[in-house]
């Protein structure tokens, strides 16, 4: 269960797009390039929070 005080461990594709301010197509492009990791849980594609943090850090 996620509360406001607990950081998220993973984001859905839509949440990841909103979080870093990019479109769905660009997110999938970054995934294809290997710059963002994904995990499949059942049919859901999740993006680990650490993968998004690493992408942002690499842009500095």
PDB file of N, CA and C in Angstrom:
ATOM      1  N   UNK A   1       0.835  -1.178   0.000  1.00  0.00           N
ATOM      2  CA  UNK A   1       0.000   0.000   0.000  1.00  0.00           C
ATOM      3  C   UNK A   1       0.880   1.242   0.000  1.00  0.00           C
ATOM      4  N   UNK A   2       0.544   2.209  -0.821  1.00  0.00           N
ATOM      5  CA  UNK A   2       1.321   3.442  -0.959  1.00  0.00           C
ATOM      6  C   UNK A   2       0.662   4.553  -0.152  1.00  0.00           C
ATOM      7  N   UNK A   3       1.439   5.195   0.689  1.00  0.00           N
ATOM      8  CA  UNK A   3       0.951   6.371   1.405  1.00  0.00           C
ATOM      9  C   UNK A   3       1.758   7.574   0.947  1.00  0.00           C
ATOM     10  N   UNK A   4       1.317   8.742   1.312  1.00  0.00           N
ATOM     11  CA  UNK A   4       2.022   9.955   0.895  1.00  0.00           C
ATOM     12  C   UNK A   4       3.441  10.021   1.438  1.00  0.00           C
ATOM     13  N   UNK A   5       3.719   9.349   2.548  1.00  0.00           N
ATOM     14  CA  UNK A   5       5.053   9.389   3.148  1.00  0.00           C
ATOM     15  C   UNK A   5       5.991   8.319   2.597  1.00  0.00           C
ATOM     16  N   UNK A   6       5.464   7.362   1.875  1.00  0.00           N
ATOM     17  CA  UNK A   6       6.263   6.269   1.349  1.00  0.00           C
ATOM     18  C   UNK A   6       6.586   6.530  -0.117  1.00  0.00           C
ATOM     19  N   UNK A   7       7.863   6.573  -0.481  1.00  0.00           N
ATOM     20  CA  UNK A   7       8.194   6.785  -1.897  1.00  0.00           C
ATOM     21  C   UNK A   7       7.784   5.578  -2.736  1.00  0.00           C
ATOM     22  N   UNK A   8       7.369   5.852  -3.968  1.00  0.00           N
ATOM     23  CA  UNK A   8       6.985   4.774  -4.877  1.00  0.00           C
ATOM     24  C   UNK A   8       8.227   4.015  -5.326  1.00  0.00           C
ATOM     25  N   UNK A   9       8.091   2.713  -5.442  1.00  0.00           N
ATOM     26  CA  UNK A   9       9.189   1.875  -5.926  1.00  0.00           C
ATOM     27  C   UNK A   9       9.182   1.775  -7.442  1.00  0.00           C
ATOM     28  N   UNK A  10       7.992   1.898  -8.043  1.00  0.00           N
ATOM     29  CA  UNK A  10       7.869   1.770  -9.492  1.00  0.00           C
ATOM     30  C   UNK A  10       6.680   2.591  -9.972  1.00  0.00           C
ATOM     31  N   UNK A  11       6.740   2.960 -11.242  1.00  0.00           N
ATOM     32  CA  UNK A  11       5.704   3.774 -11.869  1.00  0.00           C
ATOM     33  C   UNK A  11       5.120   3.040 -13.068  1.00  0.00           C
ATOM     34  N   UNK A  12       3.839   3.283 -13.351  1.00  0.00           N
ATOM     35  CA  UNK A  12       3.264   2.798 -14.596  1.00  0.00           C
ATOM     36  C   UNK A  12       3.843   3.656 -15.720  1.00  0.00           C
ATOM     37  N   UNK A  13       3.599   3.266 -16.955  1.00  0.00           N
ATOM     38  CA  UNK A  13       4.085   4.045 -18.092  1.00  0.00           C
ATOM     39  C   UNK A  13       3.515   5.463 -18.028  1.00  0.00           C
ATOM     40  N   UNK A  14       2.220   5.591 -17.781  1.00  0.00           N
ATOM     41  CA  UNK A  14       1.585   6.916 -17.721  1.00  0.00           C
ATOM     42  C   UNK A  14       2.161   7.759 -16.584  1.00  0.00           C
ATOM     43  N   UNK A  15       2.366   7.157 -15.422  1.00  0.00           N
ATOM     44  CA  UNK A  15       2.931   7.886 -14.280  1.00  0.00           C
ATOM     45  C   UNK A  15       4.362   8.335 -14.566  1.00  0.00           C
ATOM     46  N   UNK A  16       5.139   7.469 -15.200  1.00  0.00           N
ATOM     47  CA  UNK A  16       6.524   7.815 -15.529  1.00  0.00           C
ATOM     48  C   UNK A  16       6.562   8.997 -16.493  1.00  0.00           C
ATOM     49  N   UNK A  17       5.691   8.982 -17.483  1.00  0.00           N
ATOM     50  CA  UNK A  17       5.624  10.094 -18.442  1.00  0.00           C
ATOM     51  C   UNK A  17       5.314  11.402 -17.731  1.00  0.00           C
ATOM     52  N   UNK A  18       4.310  11.376 -16.868  1.00  0.00           N
ATOM     53  CA  UNK A  18       3.939  12.587 -16.118  1.00  0.00           C
ATOM     54  C   UNK A  18       5.066  13.023 -15.183  1.00  0.00           C
ATOM     55  N   UNK A  19       5.718  12.071 -14.554  1.00  0.00           N
ATOM     56  CA  UNK A  19       6.763  12.384 -13.572  1.00  0.00           C
ATOM     57  C   UNK A  19       7.945  13.123 -14.174  1.00  0.00           C
ATOM     58  N   UNK A  20       8.343  12.730 -15.377  1.00  0.00           N
ATOM     59  CA  UNK A  20       9.524  13.368 -15.972  1.00  0.00           C
ATOM     60  C   UNK A  20       9.178  14.280 -17.143  1.00  0.00           C
ATOM     61  N   UNK A  21       7.883  14.432 -17.414  1.00  0.00           N
ATOM     62  CA  UNK A  21       7.442  15.414 -18.402  1.00  0.00           C
ATOM     63  C   UNK A  21       7.743  15.074 -19.843  1.00  0.00           C
ATOM     64  N   UNK A  22       7.619  13.796 -20.193  1.00  0.00           N
ATOM     65  CA  UNK A  22       7.818  13.395 -21.591  1.00  0.00           C
ATOM     66  C   UNK A  22       6.583  12.643 -22.076  1.00  0.00           C
ATOM     67  N   UNK A  23       6.481  12.489 -23.379  1.00  0.00           N
ATOM     68  CA  UNK A  23       5.370  11.758 -23.967  1.00  0.00           C
ATOM     69  C   UNK A  23       5.619  10.256 -23.959  1.00  0.00           C
ATOM     70  N   UNK A  24       4.554   9.539 -24.211  1.00  0.00           N
ATOM     71  CA  UNK A  24       4.593   8.079 -24.227  1.00  0.00           C
ATOM     72  C   UNK A  24       5.576   7.549 -25.283  1.00  0.00           C
ATOM     73  N   UNK A  25       5.560   8.151 -26.467  1.00  0.00           N
ATOM     74  CA  UNK A  25       6.458   7.699 -27.544  1.00  0.00           C
ATOM     75  C   UNK A  25       7.925   7.875 -27.161  1.00  0.00           C
ATOM     76  N   UNK A  26       8.242   9.010 -26.548  1.00  0.00           N
ATOM     77  CA  UNK A  26       9.624   9.266 -26.124  1.00  0.00           C
ATOM     78  C   UNK A  26      10.032   8.281 -25.036  1.00  0.00           C
ATOM     79  N   UNK A  27       9.112   7.974 -24.118  1.00  0.00           N
ATOM     80  CA  UNK A  27       9.421   7.005 -23.064  1.00  0.00           C
ATOM     81  C   UNK A  27       9.757   5.650 -23.683  1.00  0.00           C
ATOM     82  N   UNK A  28       8.936   5.200 -24.629  1.00  0.00           N
ATOM     83  CA  UNK A  28       9.206   3.911 -25.267  1.00  0.00           C
ATOM     84  C   UNK A  28      10.502   3.946 -26.078  1.00  0.00           C
ATOM     85  N   UNK A  29      10.839   5.094 -26.630  1.00  0.00           N
ATOM     86  CA  UNK A  29      12.116   5.241 -27.337  1.00  0.00           C
ATOM     87  C   UNK A  29      13.284   5.056 -26.361  1.00  0.00           C
ATOM     88  N   UNK A  30      13.192   5.677 -25.190  1.00  0.00           N
ATOM     89  CA  UNK A  30      14.236   5.539 -24.166  1.00  0.00           C
ATOM     90  C   UNK A  30      14.332   4.098 -23.664  1.00  0.00           C
ATOM     91  N   UNK A  31      13.198   3.422 -23.564  1.00  0.00           N
ATOM     92  CA  UNK A  31      13.192   2.011 -23.163  1.00  0.00           C
ATOM     93  C   UNK A  31      13.902   1.171 -24.225  1.00  0.00           C
ATOM     94  N   UNK A  32      13.587   1.414 -25.500  1.00  0.00           N
ATOM     95  CA  UNK A  32      14.202   0.659 -26.601  1.00  0.00           C
ATOM     96  C   UNK A  32      15.711   0.884 -26.655  1.00  0.00           C
ATOM     97  N   UNK A  33      16.156   2.090 -26.296  1.00  0.00           N
ATOM     98  CA  UNK A  33      17.588   2.412 -26.282  1.00  0.00           C
ATOM     99  C   UNK A  33      18.297   1.830 -25.062  1.00  0.00           C
ATOM    100  N   UNK A  34      17.531   1.288 -24.115  1.00  0.00           N
ATOM    101  CA  UNK A  34      18.119   0.725 -22.906  1.00  0.00           C
ATOM    102  C   UNK A  34      18.426   1.761 -21.841  1.00  0.00           C
ATOM    103  N   UNK A  35      17.917   2.969 -22.002  1.00  0.00           N
ATOM    104  CA  UNK A  35      18.192   4.038 -21.035  1.00  0.00           C
ATOM    105  C   UNK A  35      17.222   4.028 -19.863  1.00  0.00           C
ATOM    106  N   UNK A  36      16.093   3.337 -20.016  1.00  0.00           N
ATOM    107  CA  UNK A  36      15.126   3.158 -18.933  1.00  0.00           C
ATOM    108  C   UNK A  36      14.818   1.672 -18.850  1.00  0.00           C
ATOM    109  N   UNK A  37      14.857   1.132 -17.636  1.00  0.00           N
ATOM    110  CA  UNK A  37      14.541  -0.283 -17.405  1.00  0.00           C
ATOM    111  C   UNK A  37      13.047  -0.450 -17.171  1.00  0.00           C
ATOM    112  N   UNK A  38      12.550  -1.629 -17.487  1.00  0.00           N
ATOM    113  CA  UNK A  38      11.152  -1.957 -17.202  1.00  0.00           C
ATOM    114  C   UNK A  38      11.079  -3.314 -16.521  1.00  0.00           C
ATOM    115  N   UNK A  39       9.959  -3.530 -15.868  1.00  0.00           N
ATOM    116  CA  UNK A  39       9.649  -4.827 -15.262  1.00  0.00           C
ATOM    117  C   UNK A  39       8.216  -5.158 -15.631  1.00  0.00           C
ATOM    118  N   UNK A  40       7.969  -6.391 -16.004  1.00  0.00           N
ATOM    119  CA  UNK A  40       6.609  -6.844 -16.286  1.00  0.00           C
ATOM    120  C   UNK A  40       6.084  -7.570 -15.062  1.00  0.00           C
ATOM    121  N   UNK A  41       4.945  -7.135 -14.571  1.00  0.00           N
ATOM    122  CA  UNK A  41       4.239  -7.803 -13.483  1.00  0.00           C
ATOM    123  C   UNK A  41       2.892  -8.189 -14.070  1.00  0.00           C
ATOM    124  N   UNK A  42       2.748  -9.453 -14.409  1.00  0.00           N
ATOM    125  CA  UNK A  42       1.554  -9.858 -15.145  1.00  0.00           C
ATOM    126  C   UNK A  42       1.591  -9.179 -16.504  1.00  0.00           C
ATOM    127  N   UNK A  43       0.532  -8.448 -16.831  1.00  0.00           N
ATOM    128  CA  UNK A  43       0.490  -7.721 -18.101  1.00  0.00           C
ATOM    129  C   UNK A  43       0.920  -6.268 -17.964  1.00  0.00           C
ATOM    130  N   UNK A  44       1.159  -5.836 -16.729  1.00  0.00           N
ATOM    131  CA  UNK A  44       1.525  -4.440 -16.493  1.00  0.00           C
ATOM    132  C   UNK A  44       3.016  -4.219 -16.698  1.00  0.00           C
ATOM    133  N   UNK A  45       3.342  -3.121 -17.339  1.00  0.00           N
ATOM    134  CA  UNK A  45       4.729  -2.701 -17.483  1.00  0.00           C
ATOM    135  C   UNK A  45       4.992  -1.635 -16.433  1.00  0.00           C
ATOM    136  N   UNK A  46       5.981  -1.882 -15.590  1.00  0.00           N
ATOM    137  CA  UNK A  46       6.346  -0.927 -14.550  1.00  0.00           C
ATOM    138  C   UNK A  46       7.771  -0.446 -14.767  1.00  0.00           C
ATOM    139  N   UNK A  47       8.002   0.801 -14.417  1.00  0.00           N
ATOM    140  CA  UNK A  47       9.327   1.384 -14.523  1.00  0.00           C
ATOM    141  C   UNK A  47       9.839   1.636 -13.108  1.00  0.00           C
ATOM    142  N   UNK A  48      10.931   0.976 -12.712  1.00  0.00           N
ATOM    143  CA  UNK A  48      11.476   1.206 -11.372  1.00  0.00           C
ATOM    144  C   UNK A  48      11.851   2.680 -11.182  1.00  0.00           C
ATOM    145  N   UNK A  49      11.547   3.218 -10.020  1.00  0.00           N
ATOM    146  CA  UNK A  49      11.859   4.619  -9.726  1.00  0.00           C
ATOM    147  C   UNK A  49      13.351   4.889  -9.917  1.00  0.00           C
ATOM    148  N   UNK A  50      14.200   3.952  -9.527  1.00  0.00           N
ATOM    149  CA  UNK A  50      15.653   4.134  -9.657  1.00  0.00           C
ATOM    150  C   UNK A  50      16.070   4.342 -11.108  1.00  0.00           C
ATOM    151  N   UNK A  51      15.352   3.711 -12.032  1.00  0.00           N
ATOM    152  CA  UNK A  51      15.665   3.865 -13.444  1.00  0.00           C
ATOM    153  C   UNK A  51      15.384   5.296 -13.905  1.00  0.00           C
ATOM    154  N   UNK A  52      14.285   5.879 -13.419  1.00  0.00           N
ATOM    155  CA  UNK A  52      13.966   7.268 -13.763  1.00  0.00           C
ATOM    156  C   UNK A  52      14.972   8.224 -13.129  1.00  0.00           C
ATOM    157  N   UNK A  53      15.343   7.966 -11.861  1.00  0.00           N
ATOM    158  CA  UNK A  53      16.330   8.812 -11.188  1.00  0.00           C
ATOM    159  C   UNK A  53      17.664   8.767 -11.935  1.00  0.00           C
ATOM    160  N   UNK A  54      18.071   7.580 -12.375  1.00  0.00           N
ATOM    161  CA  UNK A  54      19.339   7.428 -13.101  1.00  0.00           C
ATOM    162  C   UNK A  54      19.304   8.198 -14.418  1.00  0.00           C
ATOM    163  N   UNK A  55      18.179   8.174 -15.111  1.00  0.00           N
ATOM    164  CA  UNK A  55      18.044   8.908 -16.371  1.00  0.00           C
ATOM    165  C   UNK A  55      18.211  10.404 -16.125  1.00  0.00           C
ATOM    166  N   UNK A  56      17.552  10.909 -15.100  1.00  0.00           N
ATOM    167  CA  UNK A  56      17.634  12.336 -14.783  1.00  0.00           C
ATOM    168  C   UNK A  56      19.062  12.713 -14.383  1.00  0.00           C
ATOM    169  N   UNK A  57      19.704  11.894 -13.566  1.00  0.00           N
ATOM    170  CA  UNK A  57      21.085  12.167 -13.138  1.00  0.00           C
ATOM    171  C   UNK A  57      22.041  12.174 -14.328  1.00  0.00           C
ATOM    172  N   UNK A  58      21.809  11.302 -15.300  1.00  0.00           N
ATOM    173  CA  UNK A  58      22.687  11.201 -16.467  1.00  0.00           C
ATOM    174  C   UNK A  58      22.586  12.439 -17.358  1.00  0.00           C
ATOM    175  N   UNK A  59      21.523  13.210 -17.227  1.00  0.00           N
ATOM    176  CA  UNK A  59      21.321  14.401 -18.053  1.00  0.00           C
ATOM    177  C   UNK A  59      22.107  15.603 -17.549  1.00  0.00           C
ATOM    178  N   UNK A  60      22.627  15.528 -16.339  1.00  0.00           N
ATOM    179  CA  UNK A  60      23.373  16.671 -15.767  1.00  0.00           C
ATOM    180  C   UNK A  60      24.719  16.851 -16.401  1.00  0.00           C
TER     181      UNK A  60
END
